[in-house]
Amino acid sequence: MTLNEVSDTLNLKDHSLLKAVENATATLSFELILRLAALYSRHDPIPFIIKYTRTYNPAIWKILDDWGIGRLPLYFEREREFVNIYRGHDIARKLSDEEFEKLLKFTRAAFELALHFISEEAS
């Protein structure tokens, strides 16, 4: 990705910031480091391998899944997707503790409701 593409993806208002960091004339905030990590680590080898094995080699996936090996990276991948939802919204990091608790309460309720609908569809 070009610096402008990265800036656009991260919704940076100052597109010159990354160029300044690259030229060692500026530093990155920890928040921006986390956002960059979320952007660049989306293609970690393990989740990628698991996803493609499930899709393109179901026989091997079944063996791994029967052994329980395949579940751990899958759980990690799913949890990371939740984290990336949070990381993708700057406003979430600016919430007060009270506001964040409200967000979590709503998120838990919405998650439970979604699980209920999914289980209803399955039966």
PDB file of N, CA and C in Angstrom:
ATOM      1  N   MET A   1       0.836  -1.179   0.000  1.00  0.00           N
ATOM      2  CA  MET A   1       0.000   0.000   0.000  1.00  0.00           C
ATOM      3  C   MET A   1       0.885   1.248   0.000  1.00  0.00           C
ATOM      4  N   THR A   2       0.434   2.259  -0.681  1.00  0.00           N
ATOM      5  CA  THR A   2       1.165   3.523  -0.652  1.00  0.00           C
ATOM      6  C   THR A   2       0.852   4.240   0.662  1.00  0.00           C
ATOM      7  N   LEU A   3       1.655   5.244   0.971  1.00  0.00           N
ATOM      8  CA  LEU A   3       1.411   6.008   2.196  1.00  0.00           C
ATOM      9  C   LEU A   3       0.038   6.678   2.156  1.00  0.00           C
ATOM     10  N   ASN A   4      -0.359   7.179   0.979  1.00  0.00           N
ATOM     11  CA  ASN A   4      -1.681   7.799   0.862  1.00  0.00           C
ATOM     12  C   ASN A   4      -2.798   6.782   1.063  1.00  0.00           C
ATOM     13  N   GLU A   5      -2.619   5.567   0.542  1.00  0.00           N
ATOM     14  CA  GLU A   5      -3.628   4.521   0.737  1.00  0.00           C
ATOM     15  C   GLU A   5      -3.743   4.144   2.213  1.00  0.00           C
ATOM     16  N   VAL A   6      -2.597   4.034   2.880  1.00  0.00           N
ATOM     17  CA  VAL A   6      -2.607   3.727   4.309  1.00  0.00           C
ATOM     18  C   VAL A   6      -3.280   4.855   5.076  1.00  0.00           C
ATOM     19  N   SER A   7      -2.936   6.081   4.752  1.00  0.00           N
ATOM     20  CA  SER A   7      -3.551   7.244   5.409  1.00  0.00           C
ATOM     21  C   SER A   7      -5.055   7.244   5.209  1.00  0.00           C
ATOM     22  N   ASP A   8      -5.482   6.971   3.984  1.00  0.00           N
ATOM     23  CA  ASP A   8      -6.924   6.922   3.699  1.00  0.00           C
ATOM     24  C   ASP A   8      -7.595   5.795   4.468  1.00  0.00           C
ATOM     25  N   THR A   9      -6.970   4.627   4.480  1.00  0.00           N
ATOM     26  CA  THR A   9      -7.534   3.472   5.176  1.00  0.00           C
ATOM     27  C   THR A   9      -7.683   3.743   6.665  1.00  0.00           C
ATOM     28  N   LEU A  10      -6.709   4.427   7.236  1.00  0.00           N
ATOM     29  CA  LEU A  10      -6.746   4.735   8.669  1.00  0.00           C
ATOM     30  C   LEU A  10      -7.508   6.022   8.980  1.00  0.00           C
ATOM     31  N   ASN A  11      -8.046   6.659   7.939  1.00  0.00           N
ATOM     32  CA  ASN A  11      -8.780   7.922   8.081  1.00  0.00           C
ATOM     33  C   ASN A  11      -7.940   9.020   8.738  1.00  0.00           C
ATOM     34  N   LEU A  12      -6.665   9.090   8.352  1.00  0.00           N
ATOM     35  CA  LEU A  12      -5.793  10.141   8.880  1.00  0.00           C
ATOM     36  C   LEU A  12      -6.080  11.442   8.152  1.00  0.00           C
ATOM     37  N   LYS A  13      -6.314  12.489   8.912  1.00  0.00           N
ATOM     38  CA  LYS A  13      -6.553  13.801   8.296  1.00  0.00           C
ATOM     39  C   LYS A  13      -5.266  14.365   7.710  1.00  0.00           C
ATOM     40  N   ASP A  14      -4.140  14.116   8.389  1.00  0.00           N
ATOM     41  CA  ASP A  14      -2.843  14.631   7.948  1.00  0.00           C
ATOM     42  C   ASP A  14      -2.099  13.526   7.202  1.00  0.00           C
ATOM     43  N   HIS A  15      -2.171  13.568   5.871  1.00  0.00           N
ATOM     44  CA  HIS A  15      -1.522  12.532   5.065  1.00  0.00           C
ATOM     45  C   HIS A  15      -0.004  12.628   5.101  1.00  0.00           C
ATOM     46  N   SER A  16       0.509  13.745   5.567  1.00  0.00           N
ATOM     47  CA  SER A  16       1.959  13.897   5.606  1.00  0.00           C
ATOM     48  C   SER A  16       2.567  13.243   6.851  1.00  0.00           C
ATOM     49  N   LEU A  17       1.748  12.839   7.798  1.00  0.00           N
ATOM     50  CA  LEU A  17       2.260  12.258   9.045  1.00  0.00           C
ATOM     51  C   LEU A  17       3.086  11.007   8.787  1.00  0.00           C
ATOM     52  N   LEU A  18       2.568  10.079   8.010  1.00  0.00           N
ATOM     53  CA  LEU A  18       3.305   8.835   7.765  1.00  0.00           C
ATOM     54  C   LEU A  18       4.605   9.085   7.010  1.00  0.00           C
ATOM     55  N   LYS A  19       4.597  10.042   6.097  1.00  0.00           N
ATOM     56  CA  LYS A  19       5.828  10.404   5.382  1.00  0.00           C
ATOM     57  C   LYS A  19       6.845  10.974   6.374  1.00  0.00           C
ATOM     58  N   ALA A  20       6.370  11.782   7.304  1.00  0.00           N
ATOM     59  CA  ALA A  20       7.262  12.348   8.327  1.00  0.00           C
ATOM     60  C   ALA A  20       7.823  11.245   9.213  1.00  0.00           C
ATOM     61  N   VAL A  21       7.000  10.265   9.549  1.00  0.00           N
ATOM     62  CA  VAL A  21       7.478   9.135  10.362  1.00  0.00           C
ATOM     63  C   VAL A  21       8.530   8.355   9.585  1.00  0.00           C
ATOM     64  N   GLU A  22       8.247   8.130   8.310  1.00  0.00           N
ATOM     65  CA  GLU A  22       9.195   7.408   7.456  1.00  0.00           C
ATOM     66  C   GLU A  22      10.526   8.151   7.354  1.00  0.00           C
ATOM     67  N   ASN A  23      10.469   9.484   7.376  1.00  0.00           N
ATOM     68  CA  ASN A  23      11.690  10.307   7.298  1.00  0.00           C
ATOM     69  C   ASN A  23      12.296  10.587   8.666  1.00  0.00           C
ATOM     70  N   ALA A  24      11.763   9.977   9.706  1.00  0.00           N
ATOM     71  CA  ALA A  24      12.256  10.122  11.082  1.00  0.00           C
ATOM     72  C   ALA A  24      12.145  11.550  11.606  1.00  0.00           C
ATOM     73  N   THR A  25      11.131  12.282  11.126  1.00  0.00           N
ATOM     74  CA  THR A  25      10.917  13.632  11.641  1.00  0.00           C
ATOM     75  C   THR A  25       9.660  13.716  12.504  1.00  0.00           C
ATOM     76  N   ALA A  26       8.988  12.572  12.700  1.00  0.00           N
ATOM     77  CA  ALA A  26       7.811  12.507  13.576  1.00  0.00           C
ATOM     78  C   ALA A  26       7.726  11.112  14.175  1.00  0.00           C
ATOM     79  N   THR A  27       6.983  11.000  15.239  1.00  0.00           N
ATOM     80  CA  THR A  27       6.777   9.697  15.866  1.00  0.00           C
ATOM     81  C   THR A  27       5.296   9.339  15.810  1.00  0.00           C
ATOM     82  N   LEU A  28       5.009   8.066  15.986  1.00  0.00           N
ATOM     83  CA  LEU A  28       3.633   7.581  15.975  1.00  0.00           C
ATOM     84  C   LEU A  28       3.091   7.510  17.392  1.00  0.00           C
ATOM     85  N   SER A  29       1.839   7.875  17.549  1.00  0.00           N
ATOM     86  CA  SER A  29       1.191   7.664  18.850  1.00  0.00           C
ATOM     87  C   SER A  29       0.933   6.174  19.017  1.00  0.00           C
ATOM     88  N   PHE A  30       0.774   5.743  20.256  1.00  0.00           N
ATOM     89  CA  PHE A  30       0.490   4.341  20.518  1.00  0.00           C
ATOM     90  C   PHE A  30      -0.823   3.940  19.858  1.00  0.00           C
ATOM     91  N   GLU A  31      -1.796   4.829  19.892  1.00  0.00           N
ATOM     92  CA  GLU A  31      -3.087   4.565  19.261  1.00  0.00           C
ATOM     93  C   GLU A  31      -2.919   4.283  17.769  1.00  0.00           C
ATOM     94  N   LEU A  32      -2.110   5.083  17.096  1.00  0.00           N
ATOM     95  CA  LEU A  32      -1.889   4.882  15.667  1.00  0.00           C
ATOM     96  C   LEU A  32      -1.106   3.599  15.407  1.00  0.00           C
ATOM     97  N   ILE A  33      -0.198   3.274  16.297  1.00  0.00           N
ATOM     98  CA  ILE A  33       0.536   2.003  16.170  1.00  0.00           C
ATOM     99  C   ILE A  33      -0.446   0.835  16.232  1.00  0.00           C
ATOM    100  N   LEU A  34      -1.408   0.885  17.160  1.00  0.00           N
ATOM    101  CA  LEU A  34      -2.415  -0.179  17.256  1.00  0.00           C
ATOM    102  C   LEU A  34      -3.256  -0.262  15.980  1.00  0.00           C
ATOM    103  N   ARG A  35      -3.623   0.893  15.440  1.00  0.00           N
ATOM    104  CA  ARG A  35      -4.417   0.904  14.211  1.00  0.00           C
ATOM    105  C   ARG A  35      -3.623   0.340  13.036  1.00  0.00           C
ATOM    106  N   LEU A  36      -2.343   0.684  12.967  1.00  0.00           N
ATOM    107  CA  LEU A  36      -1.495   0.129  11.909  1.00  0.00           C
ATOM    108  C   LEU A  36      -1.330  -1.373  12.066  1.00  0.00           C
ATOM    109  N   ALA A  37      -1.183  -1.826  13.307  1.00  0.00           N
ATOM    110  CA  ALA A  37      -1.064  -3.267  13.560  1.00  0.00           C
ATOM    111  C   ALA A  37      -2.324  -3.986  13.097  1.00  0.00           C
ATOM    112  N   ALA A  38      -3.497  -3.402  13.374  1.00  0.00           N
ATOM    113  CA  ALA A  38      -4.754  -4.009  12.933  1.00  0.00           C
ATOM    114  C   ALA A  38      -4.821  -4.065  11.406  1.00  0.00           C
ATOM    115  N   LEU A  39      -4.332  -3.043  10.756  1.00  0.00           N
ATOM    116  CA  LEU A  39      -4.352  -2.997   9.295  1.00  0.00           C
ATOM    117  C   LEU A  39      -3.412  -4.033   8.695  1.00  0.00           C
ATOM    118  N   TYR A  40      -2.186  -4.062   9.176  1.00  0.00           N
ATOM    119  CA  TYR A  40      -1.189  -4.932   8.559  1.00  0.00           C
ATOM    120  C   TYR A  40      -1.228  -6.377   9.044  1.00  0.00           C
ATOM    121  N   SER A  41      -1.816  -6.643  10.184  1.00  0.00           N
ATOM    122  CA  SER A  41      -1.804  -8.018  10.685  1.00  0.00           C
ATOM    123  C   SER A  41      -3.061  -8.790  10.334  1.00  0.00           C
ATOM    124  N   ARG A  42      -3.885  -8.216   9.474  1.00  0.00           N
ATOM    125  CA  ARG A  42      -5.101  -8.926   9.063  1.00  0.00           C
ATOM    126  C   ARG A  42      -4.778 -10.200   8.305  1.00  0.00           C
ATOM    127  N   HIS A  43      -3.608 -10.295   7.747  1.00  0.00           N
ATOM    128  CA  HIS A  43      -3.240 -11.465   6.959  1.00  0.00           C
ATOM    129  C   HIS A  43      -2.174 -12.292   7.669  1.00  0.00           C
ATOM    130  N   ASP A  44      -2.374 -12.481   8.976  1.00  0.00           N
ATOM    131  CA  ASP A  44      -1.464 -13.340   9.733  1.00  0.00           C
ATOM    132  C   ASP A  44      -1.451 -14.723   9.087  1.00  0.00           C
ATOM    133  N   PRO A  45      -0.321 -15.389   9.062  1.00  0.00           N
ATOM    134  CA  PRO A  45      -0.251 -16.687   8.389  1.00  0.00           C
ATOM    135  C   PRO A  45      -1.197 -17.746   8.958  1.00  0.00           C
ATOM    136  N   ILE A  46      -1.293 -17.873  10.271  1.00  0.00           N
ATOM    137  CA  ILE A  46      -2.091 -18.955  10.852  1.00  0.00           C
ATOM    138  C   ILE A  46      -3.576 -18.840  10.513  1.00  0.00           C
ATOM    139  N   PRO A  47      -4.235 -17.701  10.779  1.00  0.00           N
ATOM    140  CA  PRO A  47      -5.654 -17.618  10.391  1.00  0.00           C
ATOM    141  C   PRO A  47      -5.871 -17.802   8.890  1.00  0.00           C
ATOM    142  N   PHE A  48      -4.950 -17.285   8.096  1.00  0.00           N
ATOM    143  CA  PHE A  48      -5.055 -17.445   6.649  1.00  0.00           C
ATOM    144  C   PHE A  48      -5.007 -18.918   6.272  1.00  0.00           C
ATOM    145  N   ILE A  49      -4.035 -19.639   6.828  1.00  0.00           N
ATOM    146  CA  ILE A  49      -3.893 -21.071   6.532  1.00  0.00           C
ATOM    147  C   ILE A  49      -5.133 -21.835   6.981  1.00  0.00           C
ATOM    148  N   ILE A  50      -5.621 -21.547   8.176  1.00  0.00           N
ATOM    149  CA  ILE A  50      -6.809 -22.239   8.689  1.00  0.00           C
ATOM    150  C   ILE A  50      -8.008 -21.967   7.781  1.00  0.00           C
ATOM    151  N   LYS A  51      -8.216 -20.704   7.437  1.00  0.00           N
ATOM    152  CA  LYS A  51      -9.357 -20.336   6.599  1.00  0.00           C
ATOM    153  C   LYS A  51      -9.300 -21.055   5.248  1.00  0.00           C
ATOM    154  N   TYR A  52      -8.133 -21.042   4.624  1.00  0.00           N
ATOM    155  CA  TYR A  52      -8.019 -21.672   3.320  1.00  0.00           C
ATOM    156  C   TYR A  52      -8.057 -23.193   3.410  1.00  0.00           C
ATOM    157  N   THR A  53      -7.566 -23.758   4.492  1.00  0.00           N
ATOM    158  CA  THR A  53      -7.660 -25.211   4.665  1.00  0.00           C
ATOM    159  C   THR A  53      -9.119 -25.621   4.806  1.00  0.00           C
ATOM    160  N   ARG A  54      -9.870 -24.880   5.615  1.00  0.00           N
ATOM    161  CA  ARG A  54     -11.305 -25.171   5.759  1.00  0.00           C
ATOM    162  C   ARG A  54     -12.002 -25.120   4.407  1.00  0.00           C
ATOM    163  N   THR A  55     -11.643 -24.146   3.590  1.00  0.00           N
ATOM    164  CA  THR A  55     -12.324 -23.932   2.315  1.00  0.00           C
ATOM    165  C   THR A  55     -11.846 -24.883   1.222  1.00  0.00           C
ATOM    166  N   TYR A  56     -10.535 -25.049   1.105  1.00  0.00           N
ATOM    167  CA  TYR A  56      -9.983 -25.739  -0.050  1.00  0.00           C
ATOM    168  C   TYR A  56      -9.467 -27.145   0.217  1.00  0.00           C
ATOM    169  N   ASN A  57      -9.451 -27.597   1.462  1.00  0.00           N
ATOM    170  CA  ASN A  57      -9.073 -28.974   1.750  1.00  0.00           C
ATOM    171  C   ASN A  57      -9.865 -29.471   2.954  1.00  0.00           C
ATOM    172  N   PRO A  58     -11.154 -29.707   2.758  1.00  0.00           N
ATOM    173  CA  PRO A  58     -12.023 -30.095   3.869  1.00  0.00           C
ATOM    174  C   PRO A  58     -11.592 -31.381   4.579  1.00  0.00           C
ATOM    175  N   ALA A  59     -10.945 -32.298   3.862  1.00  0.00           N
ATOM    176  CA  ALA A  59     -10.514 -33.555   4.492  1.00  0.00           C
ATOM    177  C   ALA A  59      -9.463 -33.282   5.570  1.00  0.00           C
ATOM    178  N   ILE A  60      -8.484 -32.474   5.248  1.00  0.00           N
ATOM    179  CA  ILE A  60      -7.458 -32.123   6.247  1.00  0.00           C
ATOM    180  C   ILE A  60      -8.084 -31.300   7.365  1.00  0.00           C
ATOM    181  N   TRP A  61      -8.974 -30.382   6.986  1.00  0.00           N
ATOM    182  CA  TRP A  61      -9.631 -29.572   8.017  1.00  0.00           C
ATOM    183  C   TRP A  61     -10.387 -30.458   8.999  1.00  0.00           C
ATOM    184  N   LYS A  62     -11.077 -31.492   8.510  1.00  0.00           N
ATOM    185  CA  LYS A  62     -11.840 -32.375   9.396  1.00  0.00           C
ATOM    186  C   LYS A  62     -10.913 -33.061  10.390  1.00  0.00           C
ATOM    187  N   ILE A  63      -9.770 -33.525   9.930  1.00  0.00           N
ATOM    188  CA  ILE A  63      -8.797 -34.165  10.836  1.00  0.00           C
ATOM    189  C   ILE A  63      -8.356 -33.172  11.911  1.00  0.00           C
ATOM    190  N   LEU A  64      -7.960 -31.976  11.488  1.00  0.00           N
ATOM    191  CA  LEU A  64      -7.529 -30.959  12.451  1.00  0.00           C
ATOM    192  C   LEU A  64      -8.650 -30.611  13.418  1.00  0.00           C
ATOM    193  N   ASP A  65      -9.839 -30.479  12.900  1.00  0.00           N
ATOM    194  CA  ASP A  65     -10.976 -30.126  13.744  1.00  0.00           C
ATOM    195  C   ASP A  65     -11.302 -31.261  14.722  1.00  0.00           C
ATOM    196  N   ASP A  66     -11.244 -32.519  14.264  1.00  0.00           N
ATOM    197  CA  ASP A  66     -11.487 -33.667  15.151  1.00  0.00           C
ATOM    198  C   ASP A  66     -10.461 -33.721  16.281  1.00  0.00           C
ATOM    199  N   TRP A  67      -9.234 -33.342  16.006  1.00  0.00           N
ATOM    200  CA  TRP A  67      -8.190 -33.312  17.029  1.00  0.00           C
ATOM    201  C   TRP A  67      -8.328 -32.103  17.949  1.00  0.00           C
ATOM    202  N   GLY A  68      -9.089 -31.117  17.522  1.00  0.00           N
ATOM    203  CA  GLY A  68      -9.246 -29.909  18.306  1.00  0.00           C
ATOM    204  C   GLY A  68      -8.207 -28.852  17.983  1.00  0.00           C
ATOM    205  N   ILE A  69      -7.283 -29.190  17.135  1.00  0.00           N
ATOM    206  CA  ILE A  69      -6.208 -28.255  16.799  1.00  0.00           C
ATOM    207  C   ILE A  69      -6.740 -27.048  16.046  1.00  0.00           C
ATOM    208  N   GLY A  70      -7.650 -27.277  15.163  1.00  0.00           N
ATOM    209  CA  GLY A  70      -8.154 -26.207  14.328  1.00  0.00           C
ATOM    210  C   GLY A  70      -8.989 -25.175  15.056  1.00  0.00           C
ATOM    211  N   ARG A  71      -9.524 -25.532  16.200  1.00  0.00           N
ATOM    212  CA  ARG A  71     -10.412 -24.607  16.912  1.00  0.00           C
ATOM    213  C   ARG A  71      -9.671 -23.421  17.529  1.00  0.00           C
ATOM    214  N   LEU A  72      -8.487 -23.639  18.034  1.00  0.00           N
ATOM    215  CA  LEU A  72      -7.777 -22.550  18.707  1.00  0.00           C
ATOM    216  C   LEU A  72      -7.484 -21.369  17.776  1.00  0.00           C
ATOM    217  N   PRO A  73      -6.893 -21.600  16.612  1.00  0.00           N
ATOM    218  CA  PRO A  73      -6.686 -20.459  15.713  1.00  0.00           C
ATOM    219  C   PRO A  73      -8.008 -19.850  15.240  1.00  0.00           C
ATOM    220  N   LEU A  74      -9.024 -20.680  15.081  1.00  0.00           N
ATOM    221  CA  LEU A  74     -10.325 -20.167  14.677  1.00  0.00           C
ATOM    222  C   LEU A  74     -10.887 -19.230  15.742  1.00  0.00           C
ATOM    223  N   TYR A  75     -10.792 -19.635  17.007  1.00  0.00           N
ATOM    224  CA  TYR A  75     -11.251 -18.761  18.097  1.00  0.00           C
ATOM    225  C   TYR A  75     -10.450 -17.468  18.113  1.00  0.00           C
ATOM    226  N   PHE A  76      -9.135 -17.589  17.935  1.00  0.00           N
ATOM    227  CA  PHE A  76      -8.282 -16.401  17.908  1.00  0.00           C
ATOM    228  C   PHE A  76      -8.701 -15.473  16.768  1.00  0.00           C
ATOM    229  N   GLU A  77      -8.954 -16.046  15.594  1.00  0.00           N
ATOM    230  CA  GLU A  77      -9.341 -15.250  14.437  1.00  0.00           C
ATOM    231  C   GLU A  77     -10.665 -14.529  14.704  1.00  0.00           C
ATOM    232  N   ARG A  78     -11.611 -15.223  15.297  1.00  0.00           N
ATOM    233  CA  ARG A  78     -12.907 -14.605  15.597  1.00  0.00           C
ATOM    234  C   ARG A  78     -12.761 -13.493  16.635  1.00  0.00           C
ATOM    235  N   GLU A  79     -11.986 -13.728  17.662  1.00  0.00           N
ATOM    236  CA  GLU A  79     -11.772 -12.702  18.683  1.00  0.00           C
ATOM    237  C   GLU A  79     -11.069 -11.481  18.086  1.00  0.00           C
ATOM    238  N   ARG A  80     -10.131 -11.722  17.194  1.00  0.00           N
ATOM    239  CA  ARG A  80      -9.417 -10.622  16.561  1.00  0.00           C
ATOM    240  C   ARG A  80     -10.367  -9.783  15.711  1.00  0.00           C
ATOM    241  N   GLU A  81     -11.352 -10.434  15.079  1.00  0.00           N
ATOM    242  CA  GLU A  81     -12.325  -9.685  14.297  1.00  0.00           C
ATOM    243  C   GLU A  81     -13.116  -8.737  15.190  1.00  0.00           C
ATOM    244  N   PHE A  82     -13.476  -9.189  16.408  1.00  0.00           N
ATOM    245  CA  PHE A  82     -14.156  -8.296  17.356  1.00  0.00           C
ATOM    246  C   PHE A  82     -13.248  -7.128  17.743  1.00  0.00           C
ATOM    247  N   VAL A  83     -12.003  -7.420  18.025  1.00  0.00           N
ATOM    248  CA  VAL A  83     -11.056  -6.363  18.402  1.00  0.00           C
ATOM    249  C   VAL A  83     -10.906  -5.359  17.266  1.00  0.00           C
ATOM    250  N   ASN A  84     -10.864  -5.848  16.035  1.00  0.00           N
ATOM    251  CA  ASN A  84     -10.707  -4.949  14.896  1.00  0.00           C
ATOM    252  C   ASN A  84     -11.921  -4.046  14.703  1.00  0.00           C
ATOM    253  N   ILE A  85     -13.099  -4.505  15.115  1.00  0.00           N
ATOM    254  CA  ILE A  85     -14.272  -3.628  15.080  1.00  0.00           C
ATOM    255  C   ILE A  85     -14.007  -2.439  15.998  1.00  0.00           C
ATOM    256  N   TYR A  86     -13.528  -2.710  17.198  1.00  0.00           N
ATOM    257  CA  TYR A  86     -13.203  -1.637  18.151  1.00  0.00           C
ATOM    258  C   TYR A  86     -12.110  -0.739  17.599  1.00  0.00           C
ATOM    259  N   ARG A  87     -11.039  -1.341  17.113  1.00  0.00           N
ATOM    260  CA  ARG A  87      -9.901  -0.565  16.618  1.00  0.00           C
ATOM    261  C   ARG A  87     -10.260   0.299  15.415  1.00  0.00           C
ATOM    262  N   GLY A  88     -11.276  -0.087  14.682  1.00  0.00           N
ATOM    263  CA  GLY A  88     -11.660   0.654  13.496  1.00  0.00           C
ATOM    264  C   GLY A  88     -12.467   1.910  13.765  1.00  0.00           C
ATOM    265  N   HIS A  89     -12.753   2.175  15.032  1.00  0.00           N
ATOM    266  CA  HIS A  89     -13.576   3.338  15.372  1.00  0.00           C
ATOM    267  C   HIS A  89     -12.856   4.219  16.386  1.00  0.00           C
ATOM    268  N   ASP A  90     -12.288   5.303  15.900  1.00  0.00           N
ATOM    269  CA  ASP A  90     -11.562   6.229  16.774  1.00  0.00           C
ATOM    270  C   ASP A  90     -12.432   6.719  17.925  1.00  0.00           C
ATOM    271  N   ILE A  91     -13.698   6.951  17.666  1.00  0.00           N
ATOM    272  CA  ILE A  91     -14.583   7.503  18.690  1.00  0.00           C
ATOM    273  C   ILE A  91     -14.688   6.563  19.901  1.00  0.00           C
ATOM    274  N   ALA A  92     -14.578   5.264  19.670  1.00  0.00           N
ATOM    275  CA  ALA A  92     -14.676   4.299  20.777  1.00  0.00           C
ATOM    276  C   ALA A  92     -13.548   4.495  21.781  1.00  0.00           C
ATOM    277  N   ARG A  93     -12.366   4.861  21.303  1.00  0.00           N
ATOM    278  CA  ARG A  93     -11.230   5.064  22.212  1.00  0.00           C
ATOM    279  C   ARG A  93     -11.347   6.360  22.998  1.00  0.00           C
ATOM    280  N   LYS A  94     -12.260   7.233  22.577  1.00  0.00           N
ATOM    281  CA  LYS A  94     -12.436   8.509  23.257  1.00  0.00           C
ATOM    282  C   LYS A  94     -13.569   8.478  24.281  1.00  0.00           C
ATOM    283  N   LEU A  95     -14.251   7.338  24.399  1.00  0.00           N
ATOM    284  CA  LEU A  95     -15.355   7.246  25.343  1.00  0.00           C
ATOM    285  C   LEU A  95     -14.862   7.265  26.784  1.00  0.00           C
ATOM    286  N   SER A  96     -15.660   7.829  27.654  1.00  0.00           N
ATOM    287  CA  SER A  96     -15.354   7.764  29.085  1.00  0.00           C
ATOM    288  C   SER A  96     -15.607   6.331  29.550  1.00  0.00           C
ATOM    289  N   ASP A  97     -15.166   6.008  30.765  1.00  0.00           N
ATOM    290  CA  ASP A  97     -15.409   4.667  31.308  1.00  0.00           C
ATOM    291  C   ASP A  97     -16.904   4.367  31.360  1.00  0.00           C
ATOM    292  N   GLU A  98     -17.685   5.363  31.771  1.00  0.00           N
ATOM    293  CA  GLU A  98     -19.137   5.177  31.859  1.00  0.00           C
ATOM    294  C   GLU A  98     -19.750   4.942  30.476  1.00  0.00           C
ATOM    295  N   GLU A  99     -19.323   5.723  29.500  1.00  0.00           N
ATOM    296  CA  GLU A  99     -19.833   5.553  28.141  1.00  0.00           C
ATOM    297  C   GLU A  99     -19.421   4.200  27.570  1.00  0.00           C
ATOM    298  N   PHE A 100     -18.191   3.785  27.863  1.00  0.00           N
ATOM    299  CA  PHE A 100     -17.721   2.497  27.366  1.00  0.00           C
ATOM    300  C   PHE A 100     -18.518   1.352  27.995  1.00  0.00           C
ATOM    301  N   GLU A 101     -18.847   1.459  29.278  1.00  0.00           N
ATOM    302  CA  GLU A 101     -19.683   0.442  29.935  1.00  0.00           C
ATOM    303  C   GLU A 101     -21.046   0.339  29.263  1.00  0.00           C
ATOM    304  N   LYS A 102     -21.619   1.497  28.908  1.00  0.00           N
ATOM    305  CA  LYS A 102     -22.906   1.494  28.194  1.00  0.00           C
ATOM    306  C   LYS A 102     -22.766   0.797  26.845  1.00  0.00           C
ATOM    307  N   LEU A 103     -21.668   1.095  26.141  1.00  0.00           N
ATOM    308  CA  LEU A 103     -21.410   0.452  24.858  1.00  0.00           C
ATOM    309  C   LEU A 103     -21.295  -1.060  25.030  1.00  0.00           C
ATOM    310  N   LEU A 104     -20.548  -1.499  26.049  1.00  0.00           N
ATOM    311  CA  LEU A 104     -20.396  -2.934  26.299  1.00  0.00           C
ATOM    312  C   LEU A 104     -21.736  -3.588  26.641  1.00  0.00           C
ATOM    313  N   LYS A 105     -22.532  -2.924  27.451  1.00  0.00           N
ATOM    314  CA  LYS A 105     -23.845  -3.459  27.823  1.00  0.00           C
ATOM    315  C   LYS A 105     -24.718  -3.639  26.579  1.00  0.00           C
ATOM    316  N   PHE A 106     -24.742  -2.635  25.731  1.00  0.00           N
ATOM    317  CA  PHE A 106     -25.517  -2.716  24.502  1.00  0.00           C
ATOM    318  C   PHE A 106     -24.968  -3.816  23.594  1.00  0.00           C
ATOM    319  N   THR A 107     -23.638  -3.887  23.474  1.00  0.00           N
ATOM    320  CA  THR A 107     -22.995  -4.884  22.616  1.00  0.00           C
ATOM    321  C   THR A 107     -23.311  -6.299  23.101  1.00  0.00           C
ATOM    322  N   ARG A 108     -23.242  -6.511  24.422  1.00  0.00           N
ATOM    323  CA  ARG A 108     -23.579  -7.832  24.979  1.00  0.00           C
ATOM    324  C   ARG A 108     -25.017  -8.206  24.652  1.00  0.00           C
ATOM    325  N   ALA A 109     -25.938  -7.259  24.837  1.00  0.00           N
ATOM    326  CA  ALA A 109     -27.357  -7.522  24.565  1.00  0.00           C
ATOM    327  C   ALA A 109     -27.565  -7.824  23.082  1.00  0.00           C
ATOM    328  N   ALA A 110     -26.924  -7.056  22.217  1.00  0.00           N
ATOM    329  CA  ALA A 110     -27.058  -7.282  20.779  1.00  0.00           C
ATOM    330  C   ALA A 110     -26.468  -8.634  20.386  1.00  0.00           C
ATOM    331  N   PHE A 111     -25.359  -8.997  20.998  1.00  0.00           N
ATOM    332  CA  PHE A 111     -24.715 -10.282  20.720  1.00  0.00           C
ATOM    333  C   PHE A 111     -25.622 -11.434  21.151  1.00  0.00           C
ATOM    334  N   GLU A 112     -26.188 -11.320  22.358  1.00  0.00           N
ATOM    335  CA  GLU A 112     -27.107 -12.358  22.844  1.00  0.00           C
ATOM    336  C   GLU A 112     -28.324 -12.481  21.930  1.00  0.00           C
ATOM    337  N   LEU A 113     -28.862 -11.356  21.487  1.00  0.00           N
ATOM    338  CA  LEU A 113     -30.008 -11.370  20.590  1.00  0.00           C
ATOM    339  C   LEU A 113     -29.652 -12.039  19.262  1.00  0.00           C
ATOM    340  N   ALA A 114     -28.488 -11.709  18.719  1.00  0.00           N
ATOM    341  CA  ALA A 114     -28.043 -12.322  17.470  1.00  0.00           C
ATOM    342  C   ALA A 114     -27.867 -13.829  17.632  1.00  0.00           C
ATOM    343  N   LEU A 115     -27.288 -14.264  18.757  1.00  0.00           N
ATOM    344  CA  LEU A 115     -27.145 -15.699  19.011  1.00  0.00           C
ATOM    345  C   LEU A 115     -28.504 -16.384  19.085  1.00  0.00           C
ATOM    346  N   HIS A 116     -29.462 -15.717  19.715  1.00  0.00           N
ATOM    347  CA  HIS A 116     -30.821 -16.262  19.811  1.00  0.00           C
ATOM    348  C   HIS A 116     -31.416 -16.454  18.416  1.00  0.00           C
ATOM    349  N   PHE A 117     -31.304 -15.427  17.546  1.00  0.00           N
ATOM    350  CA  PHE A 117     -31.849 -15.526  16.206  1.00  0.00           C
ATOM    351  C   PHE A 117     -31.176 -16.625  15.410  1.00  0.00           C
ATOM    352  N   ILE A 118     -29.873 -16.763  15.547  1.00  0.00           N
ATOM    353  CA  ILE A 118     -29.149 -17.799  14.838  1.00  0.00           C
ATOM    354  C   ILE A 118     -29.597 -19.179  15.305  1.00  0.00           C
ATOM    355  N   SER A 119     -29.762 -19.358  16.620  1.00  0.00           N
ATOM    356  CA  SER A 119     -30.202 -20.670  17.116  1.00  0.00           C
ATOM    357  C   SER A 119     -31.631 -20.962  16.695  1.00  0.00           C
ATOM    358  N   GLU A 120     -32.479 -19.939  16.596  1.00  0.00           N
ATOM    359  CA  GLU A 120     -33.852 -20.127  16.118  1.00  0.00           C
ATOM    360  C   GLU A 120     -33.851 -20.567  14.657  1.00  0.00           C
ATOM    361  N   GLU A 121     -32.976 -19.981  13.844  1.00  0.00           N
ATOM    362  CA  GLU A 121     -32.881 -20.358  12.437  1.00  0.00           C
ATOM    363  C   GLU A 121     -32.412 -21.797  12.289  1.00  0.00           C
ATOM    364  N   ALA A 122     -31.520 -22.238  13.176  1.00  0.00           N
ATOM    365  CA  ALA A 122     -30.954 -23.582  13.097  1.00  0.00           C
ATOM    366  C   ALA A 122     -31.978 -24.646  13.470  1.00  0.00           C
ATOM    367  N   SER A 123     -32.988 -24.278  14.286  1.00  0.00           N
ATOM    368  CA  SER A 123     -33.939 -25.308  14.713  1.00  0.00           C
ATOM    369  C   SER A 123     -35.167 -25.356  13.853  1.00  0.00           C
TER     370      SER A 123
END
